[in-house]
Protein backbone atom coordinates (compact mmCIF):
# COMPACT_ATOMS: atom_id res chain seq x y z
CA MET A 1 14.79 25.40 -96.45
CA SER A 2 11.27 26.45 -97.40
CA GLN A 3 10.46 29.99 -98.50
CA GLY A 4 8.39 30.66 -95.35
CA LEU A 5 11.17 29.50 -93.05
CA ARG A 6 13.74 31.51 -95.00
CA GLN A 7 11.57 34.64 -94.68
CA PHE A 8 11.10 34.02 -90.95
CA ALA A 9 14.88 33.71 -90.48
CA GLN A 10 15.45 36.96 -92.38
CA ASP A 11 12.74 38.76 -90.36
CA ALA A 12 14.20 37.44 -87.10
CA LYS A 13 17.69 38.58 -88.08
CA SER A 14 16.42 42.07 -88.99
CA PHE A 15 14.46 42.28 -85.74
CA MET A 16 17.40 41.18 -83.58
CA LEU A 17 19.74 43.66 -85.25
CA ALA A 18 17.30 46.57 -84.84
CA ALA A 19 16.44 45.60 -81.24
CA GLY A 20 20.16 45.26 -80.42
CA ILE A 21 20.98 48.69 -81.84
CA ARG A 22 18.07 50.22 -79.95
CA ALA A 23 19.16 48.50 -76.70
CA ILE A 24 22.76 49.71 -77.07
CA LYS A 25 21.58 53.29 -77.61
CA THR A 26 19.32 53.02 -74.56
CA MET A 27 22.16 51.61 -72.47
CA ALA A 28 24.49 54.44 -73.53
CA GLN A 29 21.89 57.06 -72.63
CA THR A 30 21.31 55.41 -69.25
CA ALA A 31 25.03 55.25 -68.49
CA VAL A 32 25.50 58.93 -69.33
CA ALA A 33 22.55 59.90 -67.16
CA LEU A 34 23.69 57.79 -64.19
CA ILE A 35 27.30 58.95 -64.39
CA GLY A 36 26.20 62.56 -64.68
CA THR A 37 23.96 62.44 -61.63
CA ASN A 38 26.15 60.37 -59.32
CA ALA A 39 29.50 62.08 -59.07
CA VAL A 40 31.75 65.00 -59.76
CA GLY A 41 34.95 63.02 -60.49
CA VAL A 42 35.71 59.68 -62.11
CA THR A 43 36.77 58.14 -58.81
CA GLU A 44 33.48 59.11 -57.17
CA VAL A 45 31.26 57.26 -59.66
CA ASP A 46 29.44 54.21 -58.34
CA TRP A 47 30.51 52.05 -61.29
CA LEU A 48 28.65 48.96 -60.05
CA GLY A 49 25.44 50.98 -59.83
CA VAL A 50 26.01 52.44 -63.30
CA LEU A 51 26.69 48.98 -64.75
CA SER A 52 23.64 47.52 -63.03
CA GLY A 53 21.30 50.28 -64.19
CA THR A 54 22.73 50.18 -67.70
CA ALA A 55 22.29 46.41 -68.01
CA LEU A 56 18.72 46.63 -66.71
CA SER A 57 17.88 49.33 -69.26
CA GLY A 58 19.20 47.09 -72.05
CA VAL A 59 17.07 44.15 -70.93
CA LEU A 60 13.98 46.34 -70.63
CA SER A 61 14.62 47.81 -74.08
CA VAL A 62 14.74 44.37 -75.69
CA LEU A 63 11.60 43.23 -73.84
CA THR A 64 9.79 46.41 -74.90
CA SER A 65 10.84 45.81 -78.51
CA ILE A 66 9.49 42.26 -78.35
CA TYR A 67 6.17 43.42 -76.90
CA THR A 68 5.55 46.50 -79.01
CA GLY A 69 7.39 45.62 -82.20
CA LEU A 70 9.81 47.81 -84.11
CA PRO A 71 8.46 50.13 -86.79
CA GLU A 72 11.85 50.31 -88.51
CA VAL A 73 11.74 46.55 -89.20
CA GLY A 74 8.28 46.67 -90.73
CA LEU A 75 6.90 43.76 -88.74
CA PRO A 76 3.39 43.96 -87.31
CA GLU A 77 3.08 45.86 -84.05
CA ALA A 78 1.29 44.66 -80.93
CA PRO A 79 -2.45 45.29 -80.93
CA LYS A 80 -3.56 48.57 -79.36
CA GLU A 81 -5.46 48.24 -76.13
């Protein structure tokens, strides 16, 4: 494996780990917000709605990370418009 390819693989691994951690945190925050606003008791929670909103927030977090970059990884960010 060439040095450039090895570096790319390491950068990709770092990016995926950081983006995954960020997405999980976003999903947890979304779930807490949706559960807190939907019901008083556990049986009254619209769990399908919470799951749907939480999954969507995770997907959007990863897409945002791809578009804007992640400062904690140290890779170049998207150009400013």
